[in-house]
Amino acid sequence: MLECINLTKFYKKKCVVNNLNFYVHPGEVFALLGSNGAGKTTTIKMILGLVKPTGGEIRLDTKLKIGYSPDTPYFQPFLTGRETLEYYAAVQGLSKEERKEEISRLLSTVGLEADRTKVRHYSKGMLQRLAVAQSLLGDPDMLILDEPTAGLDTLGRMEILGLISRLKEAGKTIILNSHILNDVEQLCDRGIVMKEGVTVGTWDKSEYAGKNLQEIFMEAVGGNIG
């Protein structure tokens, strides 16, 4: 479904992604692992076409529909969650009938169906749920979720993880960008570990059954446990 070959990005003289190689199969949850500044978000932006690669190749079907939930979602503060989704659905060209049915379904999916609160009063968890709902408009083939649980309290994190788990069960292909290893271990099938823009390790749940992901991660980045 997606393949990145020798993907590289320089900002002026600084290399933030260097010869990155990975592929994503249909129906799997793939993790981009790494600490803040590892190059994960830049990689996502290149896949989405928001940032032009300095070198390398991204192989992606141009007809593929991609939904994206950013690491720091921002929506117009004077709109409600429903009004926000209506705006984005109209931008996508969905008809009024399609918008009404799909928006009600998505708001129910993320637990915001009865909420009439303006976005400016949303908690961090509510913003993340709305961002995921927005990413699901138009029934995309692939979802890219950038740090969907970052900064959330325990309840908010559990809500988002439960939502992603349901999307996985529904067969969605998902790229999850996260530095929270417990989330990745719970949800993902495979992934790569990045450090300073370079792949320093790989992880496959089927191959590492019984081995703690924290150990794999720390070995890859050169850290110590305990």
Foldseek 3Di string as FASTA:
>chain_A
DKWWAQFWADDVPATQAGGDTDGFDFLFEEEEAEDPSLNPVVVVCCQVVVDPTPDTDMDDPPPFFEFEQAQDDDDDQQAFLLVRLVVLLVVVPDDPVLSVVLSCVLCVLLVNNPPRHGNNPDDLLRRLSSSVSSSCPPNGQEYEYEASCPPHDPVSNVSVLVSLQVVSVVRHHYYYYHHPQVSCLVGGQKYFYGGSNYTQGIGGCVVQPPPRVVVRNCVSVVHDDD
